N, C-alpha and C. Protein backbone atom coordinates (compact mmCIF):
# COMPACT_ATOMS: atom_id res chain seq x y z
N UNK A 1 13.34 -74.60 62.06
CA UNK A 1 12.66 -74.36 60.80
C UNK A 1 13.47 -74.89 59.64
N UNK A 2 14.77 -74.63 59.70
CA UNK A 2 15.63 -75.11 58.61
C UNK A 2 15.59 -76.63 58.52
N UNK A 3 15.49 -77.29 59.67
CA UNK A 3 15.45 -78.75 59.67
C UNK A 3 14.18 -79.25 59.00
N UNK A 4 13.05 -78.61 59.27
CA UNK A 4 11.79 -79.01 58.63
C UNK A 4 11.86 -78.75 57.13
N UNK A 5 12.46 -77.64 56.74
CA UNK A 5 12.55 -77.29 55.32
C UNK A 5 13.56 -78.15 54.57
N UNK A 6 14.48 -78.76 55.29
CA UNK A 6 15.48 -79.64 54.67
C UNK A 6 14.80 -80.76 53.89
N UNK A 7 13.64 -81.19 54.36
CA UNK A 7 12.94 -82.30 53.73
C UNK A 7 11.74 -81.84 52.90
N UNK A 8 11.77 -80.60 52.44
CA UNK A 8 10.72 -80.10 51.57
C UNK A 8 10.54 -81.04 50.38
N UNK A 9 9.33 -81.32 50.02
CA UNK A 9 8.96 -82.20 48.91
C UNK A 9 9.15 -83.69 49.22
N UNK A 10 9.42 -84.03 50.48
CA UNK A 10 9.51 -85.43 50.87
C UNK A 10 8.10 -86.02 50.92
N UNK A 11 8.00 -87.30 50.66
CA UNK A 11 6.72 -88.01 50.65
C UNK A 11 6.08 -88.03 52.04
N UNK A 12 4.75 -87.91 52.06
CA UNK A 12 4.00 -88.09 53.30
C UNK A 12 3.83 -89.59 53.53
N UNK A 13 4.17 -90.05 54.74
CA UNK A 13 3.98 -91.44 55.13
C UNK A 13 3.32 -91.45 56.50
N UNK A 14 2.12 -92.00 56.60
CA UNK A 14 1.44 -92.05 57.89
C UNK A 14 2.30 -92.81 58.90
N UNK A 15 2.57 -92.18 60.04
CA UNK A 15 3.43 -92.79 61.06
C UNK A 15 4.90 -92.63 60.77
N UNK A 16 5.25 -91.94 59.68
CA UNK A 16 6.64 -91.81 59.26
C UNK A 16 7.39 -90.71 59.97
N UNK A 17 8.68 -90.92 60.11
CA UNK A 17 9.57 -89.92 60.66
C UNK A 17 9.80 -90.08 62.14
N UNK A 18 10.98 -89.66 62.57
CA UNK A 18 11.32 -89.64 63.98
C UNK A 18 12.43 -88.61 64.18
N UNK A 19 13.03 -88.59 65.34
CA UNK A 19 14.06 -87.59 65.66
C UNK A 19 15.28 -87.69 64.75
N UNK A 20 15.45 -88.82 64.08
CA UNK A 20 16.62 -89.01 63.21
C UNK A 20 16.35 -88.67 61.75
N UNK A 21 15.08 -88.54 61.36
CA UNK A 21 14.75 -88.22 59.98
C UNK A 21 13.57 -89.04 59.49
N UNK A 22 13.42 -89.13 58.17
CA UNK A 22 12.28 -89.87 57.62
C UNK A 22 12.40 -91.36 57.88
N UNK A 23 11.26 -92.02 58.03
CA UNK A 23 11.22 -93.48 58.13
C UNK A 23 10.22 -93.99 57.11
N UNK A 24 10.46 -95.17 56.62
CA UNK A 24 9.60 -95.76 55.59
C UNK A 24 9.42 -94.83 54.39
N UNK A 25 10.41 -93.98 54.14
CA UNK A 25 10.40 -93.13 52.96
C UNK A 25 9.80 -91.75 53.14
N UNK A 26 9.42 -91.37 54.38
CA UNK A 26 8.84 -90.05 54.53
C UNK A 26 8.47 -89.69 55.95
N UNK A 27 7.58 -88.69 56.07
CA UNK A 27 7.14 -88.15 57.34
C UNK A 27 5.63 -88.02 57.37
N UNK A 28 5.06 -88.12 58.58
CA UNK A 28 3.74 -87.55 58.79
C UNK A 28 3.96 -86.24 59.53
N UNK A 29 2.89 -85.54 59.88
CA UNK A 29 3.06 -84.20 60.44
C UNK A 29 3.85 -84.21 61.76
N UNK A 30 3.50 -85.09 62.67
CA UNK A 30 4.21 -85.09 63.95
C UNK A 30 5.61 -85.67 63.83
N UNK A 31 5.83 -86.58 62.90
CA UNK A 31 7.17 -87.11 62.66
C UNK A 31 8.11 -86.02 62.17
N UNK A 32 7.60 -85.15 61.30
CA UNK A 32 8.41 -84.03 60.81
C UNK A 32 8.75 -83.09 61.96
N UNK A 33 7.79 -82.83 62.84
CA UNK A 33 8.05 -81.95 63.98
C UNK A 33 9.04 -82.60 64.95
N UNK A 34 8.93 -83.93 65.15
CA UNK A 34 9.89 -84.65 66.00
C UNK A 34 11.30 -84.41 65.48
N UNK A 35 11.48 -84.57 64.18
CA UNK A 35 12.80 -84.40 63.58
C UNK A 35 13.28 -82.95 63.72
N UNK A 36 12.45 -82.00 63.33
CA UNK A 36 12.86 -80.59 63.33
C UNK A 36 13.25 -80.12 64.72
N UNK A 37 12.45 -80.43 65.72
CA UNK A 37 12.74 -79.95 67.07
C UNK A 37 13.88 -80.73 67.73
N UNK A 38 14.10 -81.98 67.33
CA UNK A 38 15.24 -82.74 67.86
C UNK A 38 16.56 -82.07 67.49
N UNK A 39 16.56 -81.37 66.37
CA UNK A 39 17.79 -80.72 65.92
C UNK A 39 18.20 -79.56 66.83
N UNK A 40 17.27 -79.08 67.67
CA UNK A 40 17.59 -78.02 68.65
C UNK A 40 17.42 -78.54 70.08
N UNK A 41 17.43 -79.87 70.23
CA UNK A 41 17.43 -80.48 71.56
C UNK A 41 16.08 -80.59 72.24
N UNK A 42 14.98 -80.44 71.50
CA UNK A 42 13.64 -80.56 72.09
C UNK A 42 13.02 -81.87 71.64
N UNK A 43 12.64 -82.70 72.60
CA UNK A 43 12.05 -84.01 72.32
C UNK A 43 10.53 -83.86 72.27
N UNK A 44 9.94 -84.26 71.15
CA UNK A 44 8.49 -84.25 70.98
C UNK A 44 7.98 -85.67 70.83
N UNK A 45 6.69 -85.84 71.07
CA UNK A 45 6.06 -87.14 70.89
C UNK A 45 5.64 -87.31 69.43
N UNK A 46 5.30 -88.54 69.06
CA UNK A 46 4.85 -88.75 67.69
C UNK A 46 3.36 -88.50 67.55
N UNK A 47 2.70 -88.21 68.62
CA UNK A 47 1.30 -87.80 68.54
C UNK A 47 1.20 -86.46 69.25
N UNK A 48 0.83 -85.44 68.54
CA UNK A 48 0.90 -84.07 69.07
C UNK A 48 -0.40 -83.58 69.70
N UNK A 49 -1.45 -84.38 69.69
CA UNK A 49 -2.73 -83.93 70.22
C UNK A 49 -2.79 -83.98 71.74
N UNK A 50 -4.01 -84.04 72.26
CA UNK A 50 -4.23 -84.03 73.70
C UNK A 50 -3.36 -85.06 74.40
N UNK A 51 -2.70 -84.66 75.46
CA UNK A 51 -1.81 -85.56 76.17
C UNK A 51 -0.42 -85.58 75.57
N UNK A 52 -0.26 -84.93 74.43
CA UNK A 52 1.05 -84.86 73.79
C UNK A 52 1.61 -83.46 73.90
N UNK A 53 2.06 -82.91 72.81
CA UNK A 53 2.75 -81.63 72.81
C UNK A 53 1.80 -80.43 72.85
N UNK A 54 0.50 -80.69 72.77
CA UNK A 54 -0.47 -79.60 72.76
C UNK A 54 -0.49 -78.82 74.07
N UNK A 55 0.00 -79.41 75.14
CA UNK A 55 -0.01 -78.73 76.44
C UNK A 55 1.38 -78.26 76.87
N UNK A 56 2.36 -78.37 76.04
CA UNK A 56 3.74 -77.98 76.38
C UNK A 56 4.02 -76.54 76.04
N UNK A 57 5.07 -75.99 76.62
CA UNK A 57 5.53 -74.66 76.27
C UNK A 57 4.54 -73.57 76.66
N UNK A 58 4.66 -72.44 76.01
CA UNK A 58 3.84 -71.27 76.27
C UNK A 58 2.72 -71.18 75.25
N UNK A 59 1.49 -71.01 75.73
CA UNK A 59 0.35 -70.84 74.85
C UNK A 59 0.48 -69.52 74.10
N UNK A 60 0.22 -69.55 72.80
CA UNK A 60 0.30 -68.36 71.95
C UNK A 60 -0.98 -68.29 71.13
N UNK A 61 -1.54 -67.11 70.98
CA UNK A 61 -2.70 -66.94 70.10
C UNK A 61 -2.25 -67.17 68.66
N UNK A 62 -2.92 -68.09 67.93
CA UNK A 62 -2.43 -68.49 66.61
C UNK A 62 -2.79 -67.52 65.48
N UNK A 63 -2.25 -66.31 65.53
CA UNK A 63 -2.41 -65.40 64.40
C UNK A 63 -1.07 -64.75 64.12
N UNK A 64 -0.91 -64.20 62.94
CA UNK A 64 0.41 -63.71 62.52
C UNK A 64 0.94 -62.59 63.41
N UNK A 65 0.08 -61.87 64.11
CA UNK A 65 0.55 -60.80 64.99
C UNK A 65 1.27 -61.35 66.21
N UNK A 66 0.93 -62.56 66.63
CA UNK A 66 1.51 -63.14 67.84
C UNK A 66 2.55 -64.22 67.60
N UNK A 67 2.52 -64.82 66.43
CA UNK A 67 3.40 -65.96 66.17
C UNK A 67 4.84 -65.53 65.89
N UNK A 68 5.75 -66.42 66.29
CA UNK A 68 7.16 -66.26 65.97
C UNK A 68 7.64 -67.51 65.25
N UNK A 69 8.61 -67.37 64.36
CA UNK A 69 9.16 -68.56 63.71
C UNK A 69 9.58 -69.58 64.77
N UNK A 70 9.18 -70.82 64.52
CA UNK A 70 9.48 -71.91 65.45
C UNK A 70 8.30 -72.31 66.32
N UNK A 71 7.21 -71.55 66.31
CA UNK A 71 6.03 -71.91 67.09
C UNK A 71 5.32 -73.10 66.45
N UNK A 72 4.88 -74.04 67.28
CA UNK A 72 4.09 -75.16 66.81
C UNK A 72 2.65 -74.70 66.60
N UNK A 73 2.04 -75.10 65.50
CA UNK A 73 0.64 -74.78 65.21
C UNK A 73 -0.16 -76.06 65.15
N UNK A 74 -1.32 -76.03 65.78
CA UNK A 74 -2.19 -77.20 65.84
C UNK A 74 -3.49 -76.91 65.10
N UNK A 75 -4.00 -77.92 64.38
CA UNK A 75 -5.18 -77.78 63.54
C UNK A 75 -6.20 -78.88 63.83
N UNK A 76 -7.46 -78.61 63.49
CA UNK A 76 -8.54 -79.61 63.44
C UNK A 76 -8.90 -80.21 64.78
N UNK A 77 -9.65 -79.50 65.57
CA UNK A 77 -10.16 -80.03 66.83
C UNK A 77 -9.50 -79.37 68.02
N UNK A 78 -10.19 -78.46 68.67
CA UNK A 78 -9.56 -77.66 69.71
C UNK A 78 -9.15 -78.46 70.94
N UNK A 79 -9.85 -79.54 71.28
CA UNK A 79 -9.47 -80.30 72.46
C UNK A 79 -8.56 -81.49 72.12
N UNK A 80 -8.49 -81.85 70.86
CA UNK A 80 -7.66 -82.98 70.45
C UNK A 80 -7.19 -82.75 69.01
N UNK A 81 -6.20 -81.85 68.81
CA UNK A 81 -5.76 -81.52 67.46
C UNK A 81 -5.31 -82.75 66.68
N UNK A 82 -5.56 -82.71 65.39
CA UNK A 82 -5.24 -83.82 64.50
C UNK A 82 -4.09 -83.54 63.54
N UNK A 83 -3.54 -82.32 63.62
CA UNK A 83 -2.46 -81.95 62.69
C UNK A 83 -1.56 -80.91 63.35
N UNK A 84 -0.27 -80.95 63.01
CA UNK A 84 0.70 -80.00 63.58
C UNK A 84 1.67 -79.56 62.49
N UNK A 85 2.09 -78.31 62.58
CA UNK A 85 3.11 -77.76 61.70
C UNK A 85 3.94 -76.76 62.47
N UNK A 86 4.95 -76.19 61.83
CA UNK A 86 5.80 -75.19 62.49
C UNK A 86 5.73 -73.88 61.70
N UNK A 87 5.48 -72.81 62.41
CA UNK A 87 5.42 -71.50 61.80
C UNK A 87 6.83 -71.08 61.37
N UNK A 88 6.98 -70.63 60.12
CA UNK A 88 8.30 -70.24 59.64
C UNK A 88 8.39 -68.75 59.34
N UNK A 89 7.29 -68.01 59.60
CA UNK A 89 7.30 -66.58 59.37
C UNK A 89 6.55 -66.20 58.11
N UNK A 90 6.27 -64.90 57.97
CA UNK A 90 5.58 -64.36 56.79
C UNK A 90 4.27 -65.06 56.48
N UNK A 91 3.57 -65.54 57.53
CA UNK A 91 2.28 -66.19 57.33
C UNK A 91 2.36 -67.59 56.77
N UNK A 92 3.52 -68.25 56.88
CA UNK A 92 3.71 -69.58 56.30
C UNK A 92 4.05 -70.64 57.34
N UNK A 93 3.66 -71.89 57.02
CA UNK A 93 3.85 -73.03 57.91
C UNK A 93 4.53 -74.16 57.13
N UNK A 94 5.57 -74.75 57.73
CA UNK A 94 6.18 -75.96 57.17
C UNK A 94 5.47 -77.14 57.82
N UNK A 95 5.05 -78.09 56.99
CA UNK A 95 4.27 -79.22 57.51
C UNK A 95 4.27 -80.38 56.53
N UNK A 96 3.95 -81.54 57.05
CA UNK A 96 3.68 -82.71 56.21
C UNK A 96 2.16 -82.79 56.13
N UNK A 97 1.61 -82.38 55.01
CA UNK A 97 0.18 -82.12 54.93
C UNK A 97 -0.67 -83.33 54.58
N UNK A 98 -0.14 -84.29 53.92
CA UNK A 98 -0.92 -85.47 53.57
C UNK A 98 -0.36 -86.14 52.34
N UNK A 99 -0.91 -87.30 52.01
CA UNK A 99 -0.39 -88.11 50.91
C UNK A 99 -0.36 -87.37 49.59
N UNK A 100 -1.33 -86.50 49.36
CA UNK A 100 -1.39 -85.78 48.10
C UNK A 100 -0.29 -84.72 47.97
N UNK A 101 0.11 -84.12 49.10
CA UNK A 101 1.03 -82.99 49.05
C UNK A 101 2.40 -83.25 49.65
N UNK A 102 2.53 -84.14 50.60
CA UNK A 102 3.82 -84.40 51.24
C UNK A 102 4.28 -83.24 52.12
N UNK A 103 5.58 -83.11 52.27
CA UNK A 103 6.17 -82.05 53.09
C UNK A 103 6.32 -80.80 52.24
N UNK A 104 5.91 -79.67 52.80
CA UNK A 104 6.02 -78.42 52.06
C UNK A 104 5.70 -77.23 52.93
N UNK A 105 5.57 -76.09 52.28
CA UNK A 105 5.26 -74.83 52.94
C UNK A 105 3.94 -74.31 52.37
N UNK A 106 3.02 -73.98 53.28
CA UNK A 106 1.73 -73.44 52.90
C UNK A 106 1.42 -72.23 53.77
N UNK A 107 0.43 -71.46 53.34
CA UNK A 107 0.02 -70.32 54.16
C UNK A 107 -0.57 -70.82 55.47
N UNK A 108 -0.54 -69.95 56.45
CA UNK A 108 -1.02 -70.27 57.80
C UNK A 108 -2.40 -70.90 57.79
N UNK A 109 -3.29 -70.44 56.93
CA UNK A 109 -4.68 -70.93 56.94
C UNK A 109 -5.01 -71.83 55.76
N UNK A 110 -4.01 -72.31 55.04
CA UNK A 110 -4.29 -73.15 53.88
C UNK A 110 -5.06 -74.41 54.28
N UNK A 111 -4.69 -75.00 55.40
CA UNK A 111 -5.35 -76.23 55.86
C UNK A 111 -6.44 -75.92 56.88
N UNK A 112 -6.93 -74.68 56.91
CA UNK A 112 -7.90 -74.25 57.91
C UNK A 112 -7.19 -73.44 58.97
N UNK A 113 -7.94 -72.73 59.76
CA UNK A 113 -7.33 -71.90 60.79
C UNK A 113 -6.77 -72.76 61.91
N UNK A 114 -5.60 -72.42 62.42
CA UNK A 114 -5.05 -73.19 63.54
C UNK A 114 -5.92 -73.01 64.78
N UNK A 115 -6.06 -74.08 65.57
CA UNK A 115 -6.86 -74.03 66.79
C UNK A 115 -6.00 -73.72 68.00
N UNK A 116 -4.70 -73.75 67.84
CA UNK A 116 -3.81 -73.46 68.95
C UNK A 116 -2.38 -73.32 68.48
N UNK A 117 -1.57 -72.72 69.33
CA UNK A 117 -0.14 -72.57 69.04
C UNK A 117 0.63 -72.64 70.35
N UNK A 118 1.81 -73.18 70.29
CA UNK A 118 2.68 -73.32 71.46
C UNK A 118 4.08 -72.89 71.10
N UNK A 119 4.69 -72.12 71.98
CA UNK A 119 6.07 -71.69 71.81
C UNK A 119 6.94 -72.56 72.71
N UNK A 120 7.77 -73.39 72.10
CA UNK A 120 8.66 -74.28 72.84
C UNK A 120 10.06 -73.71 72.94
N UNK A 121 10.38 -72.78 72.03
CA UNK A 121 11.70 -72.17 72.02
C UNK A 121 11.54 -70.73 72.51
N UNK A 122 12.11 -70.40 73.68
CA UNK A 122 11.94 -69.06 74.22
C UNK A 122 12.54 -67.98 73.33
């Protein structure tokens, strides 16, 4: 979580970011997650939807009663999510939300309700 927050207010760049940090001046949602989880030794793909990280780890019901800081949250399309962020606690998610907003912290449902959650860190 701290790694994702390190780049708060960084520019959103489609396809941007990797395990080493921002690329081309910023991050997209999965690039930010690649960087954040690499800091704790977890390798993620740059596409988090079906066939990517959506099937990894332990399935968690995506509501504040079940989530723990560090859980991946997936949005927009239950069989092929189009967005990913990391739960940081207190109903908030760190994410690279788009060109208008960049990297930041928003409420769990600011970008719509999450369609899934995965716990990669036991």
